[in-house]
N, C-alpha and C. Protein backbone atom coordinates (compact mmCIF):
# COMPACT_ATOMS: atom_id res chain seq x y z
N MET A 1 -9.42 20.68 -26.66
CA MET A 1 -8.56 21.14 -25.58
C MET A 1 -9.38 21.41 -24.32
N LYS A 2 -10.53 22.08 -24.44
CA LYS A 2 -11.36 22.37 -23.28
C LYS A 2 -11.82 21.09 -22.59
N PHE A 3 -12.15 20.05 -23.40
CA PHE A 3 -12.60 18.77 -22.84
C PHE A 3 -11.49 18.13 -22.01
N ASP A 4 -10.24 18.17 -22.52
CA ASP A 4 -9.11 17.61 -21.78
C ASP A 4 -8.92 18.31 -20.44
N ILE A 5 -9.04 19.61 -20.42
CA ILE A 5 -8.90 20.38 -19.18
C ILE A 5 -10.02 20.02 -18.22
N PHE A 6 -11.23 19.84 -18.73
CA PHE A 6 -12.37 19.46 -17.89
C PHE A 6 -12.13 18.10 -17.24
N ILE A 7 -11.69 17.12 -18.03
CA ILE A 7 -11.42 15.77 -17.50
C ILE A 7 -10.29 15.85 -16.47
N TRP A 8 -9.21 16.58 -16.75
CA TRP A 8 -8.11 16.72 -15.81
C TRP A 8 -8.60 17.33 -14.50
N SER A 9 -9.47 18.34 -14.59
CA SER A 9 -10.01 19.00 -13.41
C SER A 9 -10.84 18.03 -12.57
N LEU A 10 -11.65 17.19 -13.22
CA LEU A 10 -12.45 16.20 -12.49
C LEU A 10 -11.56 15.20 -11.76
N ASN A 11 -10.52 14.70 -12.43
CA ASN A 11 -9.63 13.71 -11.83
C ASN A 11 -8.80 14.30 -10.70
N ARG A 12 -8.43 15.55 -10.81
CA ARG A 12 -7.59 16.19 -9.81
C ARG A 12 -8.30 16.29 -8.46
N ASN A 13 -9.60 16.48 -8.47
CA ASN A 13 -10.35 16.65 -7.23
C ASN A 13 -11.00 15.35 -6.75
N LYS A 14 -10.73 14.26 -7.44
CA LYS A 14 -11.32 12.96 -7.09
C LYS A 14 -10.68 12.45 -5.80
N PRO A 15 -11.48 12.01 -4.82
CA PRO A 15 -10.91 11.48 -3.59
C PRO A 15 -10.12 10.20 -3.86
N HIS A 16 -9.12 9.97 -3.05
CA HIS A 16 -8.27 8.80 -3.20
C HIS A 16 -8.76 7.70 -2.27
N LYS A 17 -9.39 6.71 -2.83
CA LYS A 17 -9.96 5.61 -2.07
C LYS A 17 -8.86 4.67 -1.62
N MET A 18 -8.78 4.43 -0.32
CA MET A 18 -7.83 3.47 0.20
C MET A 18 -8.30 2.07 -0.14
N GLU A 19 -7.38 1.17 -0.46
CA GLU A 19 -7.72 -0.16 -0.93
C GLU A 19 -7.52 -1.25 0.12
N ALA A 20 -6.43 -1.20 0.86
CA ALA A 20 -6.13 -2.27 1.83
C ALA A 20 -5.04 -1.79 2.77
N ILE A 21 -4.91 -2.46 3.90
CA ILE A 21 -3.82 -2.17 4.83
C ILE A 21 -3.22 -3.50 5.29
N SER A 22 -1.89 -3.58 5.28
CA SER A 22 -1.18 -4.80 5.66
C SER A 22 -0.14 -4.45 6.72
N PRO A 23 -0.40 -4.78 7.99
CA PRO A 23 0.58 -4.49 9.04
C PRO A 23 1.91 -5.18 8.76
N ASN A 24 3.00 -4.47 9.01
CA ASN A 24 4.36 -4.97 8.83
C ASN A 24 5.00 -5.00 10.22
N ILE A 25 5.09 -6.17 10.82
CA ILE A 25 5.57 -6.33 12.19
C ILE A 25 7.06 -6.62 12.19
N PHE A 26 7.83 -5.86 12.95
CA PHE A 26 9.28 -6.05 13.00
C PHE A 26 9.67 -6.94 14.17
N THR A 27 10.71 -7.73 13.94
CA THR A 27 11.13 -8.70 14.94
C THR A 27 12.63 -8.95 14.86
N TYR A 28 13.20 -9.40 15.99
CA TYR A 28 14.59 -9.84 16.00
C TYR A 28 14.69 -11.33 15.71
N ASP A 29 13.58 -12.06 15.81
CA ASP A 29 13.60 -13.51 15.63
C ASP A 29 12.52 -13.92 14.62
N MET A 30 12.88 -13.91 13.34
CA MET A 30 11.91 -14.22 12.29
C MET A 30 11.39 -15.65 12.42
N LYS A 31 12.26 -16.60 12.70
CA LYS A 31 11.86 -18.00 12.75
C LYS A 31 10.78 -18.22 13.81
N ALA A 32 10.99 -17.68 15.00
CA ALA A 32 10.02 -17.83 16.08
C ALA A 32 8.72 -17.08 15.77
N THR A 33 8.83 -15.92 15.13
CA THR A 33 7.63 -15.14 14.80
C THR A 33 6.79 -15.83 13.74
N VAL A 34 7.45 -16.38 12.71
CA VAL A 34 6.72 -17.13 11.69
C VAL A 34 6.03 -18.33 12.33
N ALA A 35 6.73 -19.03 13.20
CA ALA A 35 6.15 -20.20 13.88
C ALA A 35 4.93 -19.80 14.71
N PHE A 36 5.00 -18.65 15.38
CA PHE A 36 3.87 -18.18 16.18
C PHE A 36 2.64 -17.93 15.30
N TYR A 37 2.84 -17.22 14.19
CA TYR A 37 1.71 -16.91 13.31
C TYR A 37 1.19 -18.16 12.60
N GLU A 38 2.07 -19.14 12.34
CA GLU A 38 1.61 -20.42 11.79
C GLU A 38 0.71 -21.12 12.82
N LEU A 39 1.05 -20.98 14.08
CA LEU A 39 0.23 -21.55 15.14
C LEU A 39 -1.18 -20.95 15.12
N LEU A 40 -1.30 -19.71 14.70
CA LEU A 40 -2.60 -19.04 14.60
C LEU A 40 -3.33 -19.35 13.29
N GLY A 41 -2.72 -20.16 12.43
CA GLY A 41 -3.36 -20.54 11.18
C GLY A 41 -2.89 -19.78 9.96
N PHE A 42 -1.90 -18.92 10.12
CA PHE A 42 -1.36 -18.18 8.98
C PHE A 42 -0.42 -19.07 8.18
N LYS A 43 -0.34 -18.81 6.88
CA LYS A 43 0.57 -19.52 5.98
C LYS A 43 1.47 -18.51 5.29
N VAL A 44 2.75 -18.84 5.14
CA VAL A 44 3.67 -17.99 4.40
C VAL A 44 3.32 -18.07 2.92
N THR A 45 3.06 -16.91 2.30
CA THR A 45 2.72 -16.88 0.88
C THR A 45 3.85 -16.28 0.03
N MET A 46 4.69 -15.45 0.64
CA MET A 46 5.85 -14.87 -0.03
C MET A 46 6.92 -14.68 1.02
N SER A 47 8.18 -14.74 0.60
CA SER A 47 9.26 -14.48 1.55
C SER A 47 10.52 -14.04 0.82
N VAL A 48 11.42 -13.42 1.58
CA VAL A 48 12.74 -13.05 1.09
C VAL A 48 13.73 -13.60 2.10
N PRO A 49 14.63 -14.52 1.68
CA PRO A 49 14.64 -15.18 0.38
C PRO A 49 13.43 -16.10 0.23
N GLU A 50 13.24 -16.60 -1.00
CA GLU A 50 12.08 -17.44 -1.28
C GLU A 50 12.15 -18.79 -0.60
N GLU A 51 13.37 -19.28 -0.33
CA GLU A 51 13.55 -20.58 0.32
C GLU A 51 14.61 -20.45 1.40
N GLY A 52 14.56 -21.34 2.38
CA GLY A 52 15.57 -21.37 3.43
C GLY A 52 15.06 -20.87 4.75
N ASP A 53 15.91 -20.99 5.76
CA ASP A 53 15.54 -20.61 7.12
C ASP A 53 15.95 -19.20 7.49
N ASP A 54 16.74 -18.54 6.66
CA ASP A 54 17.25 -17.21 7.00
C ASP A 54 16.38 -16.09 6.43
N LEU A 55 15.09 -16.12 6.74
CA LEU A 55 14.16 -15.12 6.22
C LEU A 55 14.47 -13.75 6.80
N VAL A 56 14.31 -12.73 5.97
CA VAL A 56 14.39 -11.35 6.45
C VAL A 56 13.02 -10.67 6.31
N TRP A 57 12.14 -11.29 5.51
CA TRP A 57 10.79 -10.76 5.32
C TRP A 57 9.87 -11.91 4.93
N ALA A 58 8.63 -11.89 5.42
CA ALA A 58 7.64 -12.89 5.04
C ALA A 58 6.26 -12.26 5.04
N MET A 59 5.46 -12.67 4.07
CA MET A 59 4.05 -12.29 4.04
C MET A 59 3.27 -13.54 4.44
N MET A 60 2.36 -13.36 5.40
CA MET A 60 1.57 -14.47 5.89
C MET A 60 0.10 -14.12 5.76
N VAL A 61 -0.70 -15.11 5.37
CA VAL A 61 -2.12 -14.89 5.11
C VAL A 61 -2.94 -15.94 5.83
N ASN A 62 -4.07 -15.48 6.37
CA ASN A 62 -5.08 -16.36 6.93
C ASN A 62 -6.42 -15.77 6.50
N GLY A 63 -7.10 -16.43 5.55
CA GLY A 63 -8.34 -15.87 5.01
C GLY A 63 -8.05 -14.56 4.30
N ALA A 64 -8.77 -13.52 4.68
CA ALA A 64 -8.59 -12.20 4.07
C ALA A 64 -7.59 -11.34 4.84
N VAL A 65 -6.97 -11.90 5.88
CA VAL A 65 -6.03 -11.15 6.72
C VAL A 65 -4.60 -11.40 6.26
N THR A 66 -3.89 -10.32 6.01
CA THR A 66 -2.50 -10.41 5.59
C THR A 66 -1.62 -9.70 6.61
N MET A 67 -0.56 -10.36 7.02
CA MET A 67 0.44 -9.79 7.92
C MET A 67 1.79 -9.88 7.22
N MET A 68 2.62 -8.88 7.41
CA MET A 68 4.00 -8.95 6.93
C MET A 68 4.90 -8.95 8.15
N LEU A 69 5.93 -9.77 8.10
CA LEU A 69 6.92 -9.86 9.17
C LEU A 69 8.27 -9.49 8.57
N GLN A 70 9.06 -8.72 9.30
CA GLN A 70 10.34 -8.28 8.76
C GLN A 70 11.36 -8.18 9.87
N SER A 71 12.58 -8.60 9.58
CA SER A 71 13.64 -8.51 10.58
C SER A 71 14.12 -7.07 10.71
N PHE A 72 14.51 -6.69 11.93
CA PHE A 72 15.05 -5.35 12.14
C PHE A 72 16.31 -5.15 11.28
N GLU A 73 17.13 -6.20 11.18
CA GLU A 73 18.39 -6.11 10.44
C GLU A 73 18.18 -5.76 8.97
N SER A 74 17.07 -6.21 8.39
CA SER A 74 16.84 -5.98 6.97
C SER A 74 16.57 -4.51 6.64
N LEU A 75 16.27 -3.71 7.65
CA LEU A 75 16.01 -2.29 7.40
C LEU A 75 17.28 -1.51 7.09
N ALA A 76 18.43 -2.02 7.56
CA ALA A 76 19.71 -1.33 7.40
C ALA A 76 19.54 0.12 7.84
N ASP A 77 19.86 1.06 6.97
CA ASP A 77 19.74 2.48 7.32
C ASP A 77 18.46 3.11 6.78
N ASP A 78 17.61 2.30 6.14
CA ASP A 78 16.34 2.83 5.62
C ASP A 78 15.40 3.15 6.78
N LEU A 79 14.68 4.22 6.67
CA LEU A 79 13.66 4.63 7.63
C LEU A 79 14.13 4.52 9.08
N PRO A 80 15.13 5.29 9.48
CA PRO A 80 15.61 5.24 10.87
C PRO A 80 14.55 5.68 11.88
N GLU A 81 13.45 6.27 11.39
CA GLU A 81 12.37 6.68 12.29
C GLU A 81 11.64 5.50 12.91
N ILE A 82 11.79 4.30 12.34
CA ILE A 82 11.16 3.11 12.91
C ILE A 82 11.98 2.63 14.08
N SER A 83 11.33 2.52 15.24
CA SER A 83 12.00 2.06 16.44
C SER A 83 12.51 0.65 16.26
N ARG A 84 13.67 0.35 16.80
CA ARG A 84 14.26 -1.00 16.73
C ARG A 84 13.96 -1.75 18.03
N THR A 85 12.73 -1.60 18.54
CA THR A 85 12.31 -2.23 19.78
C THR A 85 11.16 -3.18 19.52
N ASN A 86 11.26 -4.40 20.04
CA ASN A 86 10.16 -5.35 19.90
C ASN A 86 8.90 -4.81 20.56
N GLY A 87 7.75 -5.12 19.95
CA GLY A 87 6.46 -4.78 20.55
C GLY A 87 5.96 -3.39 20.29
N GLY A 88 6.81 -2.48 19.86
CA GLY A 88 6.35 -1.12 19.68
C GLY A 88 6.52 -0.61 18.26
N SER A 89 7.15 -1.38 17.41
CA SER A 89 7.41 -0.93 16.05
C SER A 89 6.29 -1.36 15.12
N LEU A 90 5.84 -0.43 14.31
CA LEU A 90 4.76 -0.73 13.40
C LEU A 90 4.87 0.17 12.19
N LEU A 91 4.78 -0.41 11.01
CA LEU A 91 4.73 0.34 9.78
C LEU A 91 3.45 -0.07 9.08
N LEU A 92 2.57 0.86 8.85
CA LEU A 92 1.31 0.56 8.17
C LEU A 92 1.52 0.73 6.67
N TYR A 93 1.28 -0.32 5.92
CA TYR A 93 1.50 -0.37 4.48
C TYR A 93 0.13 -0.35 3.82
N ILE A 94 -0.18 0.72 3.11
CA ILE A 94 -1.54 0.96 2.63
C ILE A 94 -1.56 1.03 1.11
N ASP A 95 -2.34 0.13 0.49
CA ASP A 95 -2.52 0.16 -0.96
C ASP A 95 -3.47 1.30 -1.31
N VAL A 96 -3.13 2.00 -2.38
CA VAL A 96 -3.95 3.14 -2.81
C VAL A 96 -3.92 3.21 -4.33
N LYS A 97 -4.99 3.65 -4.92
CA LYS A 97 -5.05 3.86 -6.37
C LYS A 97 -4.60 5.28 -6.69
N ASN A 98 -4.04 5.48 -7.89
CA ASN A 98 -3.63 6.80 -8.37
C ASN A 98 -2.62 7.44 -7.42
N ILE A 99 -1.56 6.68 -7.10
CA ILE A 99 -0.60 7.09 -6.08
C ILE A 99 0.13 8.39 -6.42
N LYS A 100 0.46 8.60 -7.68
CA LYS A 100 1.21 9.81 -8.04
C LYS A 100 0.41 11.08 -7.73
N ALA A 101 -0.87 11.08 -8.08
CA ALA A 101 -1.71 12.25 -7.79
C ALA A 101 -1.90 12.40 -6.28
N PHE A 102 -2.06 11.29 -5.57
CA PHE A 102 -2.20 11.31 -4.12
C PHE A 102 -0.94 11.90 -3.47
N TYR A 103 0.22 11.44 -3.91
CA TYR A 103 1.49 11.96 -3.39
C TYR A 103 1.60 13.47 -3.63
N GLU A 104 1.31 13.90 -4.84
CA GLU A 104 1.39 15.33 -5.17
C GLU A 104 0.45 16.15 -4.30
N ARG A 105 -0.71 15.59 -3.98
CA ARG A 105 -1.70 16.31 -3.18
C ARG A 105 -1.26 16.48 -1.73
N ILE A 106 -0.54 15.50 -1.17
CA ILE A 106 -0.23 15.57 0.27
C ILE A 106 1.23 15.87 0.61
N LYS A 107 2.15 15.77 -0.34
CA LYS A 107 3.58 15.82 -0.04
C LYS A 107 4.03 17.08 0.71
N ASP A 108 3.38 18.19 0.48
CA ASP A 108 3.78 19.43 1.15
C ASP A 108 3.03 19.66 2.45
N LYS A 109 2.15 18.72 2.82
CA LYS A 109 1.33 18.86 4.02
C LYS A 109 1.70 17.86 5.11
N VAL A 110 2.63 16.96 4.81
CA VAL A 110 3.03 15.89 5.73
C VAL A 110 4.54 15.81 5.79
N THR A 111 5.06 15.02 6.72
CA THR A 111 6.49 14.74 6.77
C THR A 111 6.78 13.54 5.89
N VAL A 112 7.42 13.79 4.76
CA VAL A 112 7.77 12.71 3.83
C VAL A 112 9.11 12.14 4.25
N LEU A 113 9.14 10.82 4.48
CA LEU A 113 10.36 10.13 4.88
C LEU A 113 11.11 9.56 3.68
N LYS A 114 10.36 9.00 2.74
CA LYS A 114 10.92 8.47 1.49
C LYS A 114 9.98 8.91 0.38
N GLY A 115 10.53 9.57 -0.62
CA GLY A 115 9.71 10.05 -1.72
C GLY A 115 9.22 8.94 -2.62
N LEU A 116 8.42 9.30 -3.56
CA LEU A 116 7.83 8.38 -4.52
C LEU A 116 8.93 7.64 -5.27
N GLU A 117 8.87 6.29 -5.23
CA GLU A 117 9.86 5.51 -5.96
C GLU A 117 9.29 4.16 -6.36
N LYS A 118 9.85 3.60 -7.42
CA LYS A 118 9.48 2.27 -7.92
C LYS A 118 10.38 1.26 -7.23
N THR A 119 9.77 0.19 -6.69
CA THR A 119 10.53 -0.84 -5.98
C THR A 119 10.92 -1.98 -6.92
N PHE A 120 11.83 -2.83 -6.45
CA PHE A 120 12.27 -3.97 -7.25
C PHE A 120 11.14 -4.98 -7.45
N TYR A 121 10.11 -4.95 -6.61
CA TYR A 121 8.99 -5.88 -6.75
C TYR A 121 7.81 -5.26 -7.48
N GLY A 122 8.03 -4.13 -8.14
CA GLY A 122 7.03 -3.58 -9.05
C GLY A 122 6.07 -2.57 -8.47
N ALA A 123 6.19 -2.26 -7.19
CA ALA A 123 5.29 -1.28 -6.56
C ALA A 123 5.88 0.12 -6.69
N THR A 124 4.99 1.10 -6.71
CA THR A 124 5.39 2.50 -6.58
C THR A 124 4.99 2.89 -5.16
N GLU A 125 5.94 3.42 -4.39
CA GLU A 125 5.71 3.67 -2.96
C GLU A 125 6.25 5.02 -2.52
N PHE A 126 5.74 5.49 -1.38
CA PHE A 126 6.35 6.57 -0.63
C PHE A 126 5.98 6.39 0.83
N SER A 127 6.81 6.94 1.72
CA SER A 127 6.58 6.79 3.17
C SER A 127 6.49 8.15 3.83
N ILE A 128 5.58 8.25 4.80
CA ILE A 128 5.40 9.47 5.57
C ILE A 128 5.36 9.13 7.06
N LYS A 129 5.45 10.15 7.88
CA LYS A 129 5.28 9.99 9.32
C LYS A 129 3.99 10.69 9.71
N ASP A 130 3.15 10.02 10.50
CA ASP A 130 1.91 10.67 10.94
C ASP A 130 2.19 11.60 12.12
N ASN A 131 1.15 12.25 12.61
CA ASN A 131 1.33 13.23 13.68
C ASN A 131 1.74 12.61 15.01
N ASN A 132 1.62 11.30 15.15
CA ASN A 132 2.05 10.60 16.36
C ASN A 132 3.39 9.91 16.21
N GLY A 133 4.00 10.03 15.05
CA GLY A 133 5.30 9.42 14.82
C GLY A 133 5.23 8.05 14.16
N TYR A 134 4.05 7.54 13.86
CA TYR A 134 3.94 6.26 13.16
C TYR A 134 4.28 6.44 11.68
N VAL A 135 4.90 5.41 11.12
CA VAL A 135 5.28 5.45 9.71
C VAL A 135 4.20 4.77 8.88
N LEU A 136 3.78 5.45 7.81
CA LEU A 136 2.82 4.89 6.86
C LEU A 136 3.48 4.86 5.49
N THR A 137 3.42 3.70 4.84
CA THR A 137 3.92 3.58 3.47
C THR A 137 2.73 3.33 2.57
N PHE A 138 2.57 4.18 1.57
CA PHE A 138 1.50 4.04 0.59
C PHE A 138 2.09 3.40 -0.66
N ALA A 139 1.33 2.48 -1.26
CA ALA A 139 1.86 1.75 -2.42
C ALA A 139 0.77 1.52 -3.46
N GLU A 140 1.21 1.56 -4.70
CA GLU A 140 0.35 1.16 -5.81
C GLU A 140 1.12 0.10 -6.58
N HIS A 141 0.49 -1.05 -6.76
CA HIS A 141 1.14 -2.18 -7.42
C HIS A 141 0.75 -2.20 -8.89
N ALA A 142 1.72 -2.49 -9.74
CA ALA A 142 1.49 -2.56 -11.19
C ALA A 142 0.47 -3.65 -11.48
N GLN A 143 -0.44 -3.35 -12.37
CA GLN A 143 -1.46 -4.32 -12.77
C GLN A 143 -0.91 -5.20 -13.87
N ALA A 144 -1.16 -6.49 -13.76
CA ALA A 144 -0.67 -7.45 -14.77
C ALA A 144 -1.54 -7.43 -16.00
């Protein structure tokens, strides 16, 4: 029993190492935005829907750089704190390990916009607002 408490104590105070950040850029014109990033050498690697011209979300990659593009309409009533204005909207999506412990550590110290939840694509996420009003979504993806 003492050993279990010791291990729990070590893990509780362990810093949460950030893993990656993927900007999520909002737009009213997904087709034109995808075309622009393709011009820069980015390739669509995932999208919703998976096929067709009516994309509401796309992940684009060029080398080690990942960008996400999302239509304003796809947000519906989720996260109304995100401005619906071109050029000024930004949601920082940050991968993190041990998300549940990280959430528990900060939830009472920040403005939580969406609590910890499992998404349809297998991630566990939560969203907060920083001191400047920017939205940050932290996510941990299930390991295969």
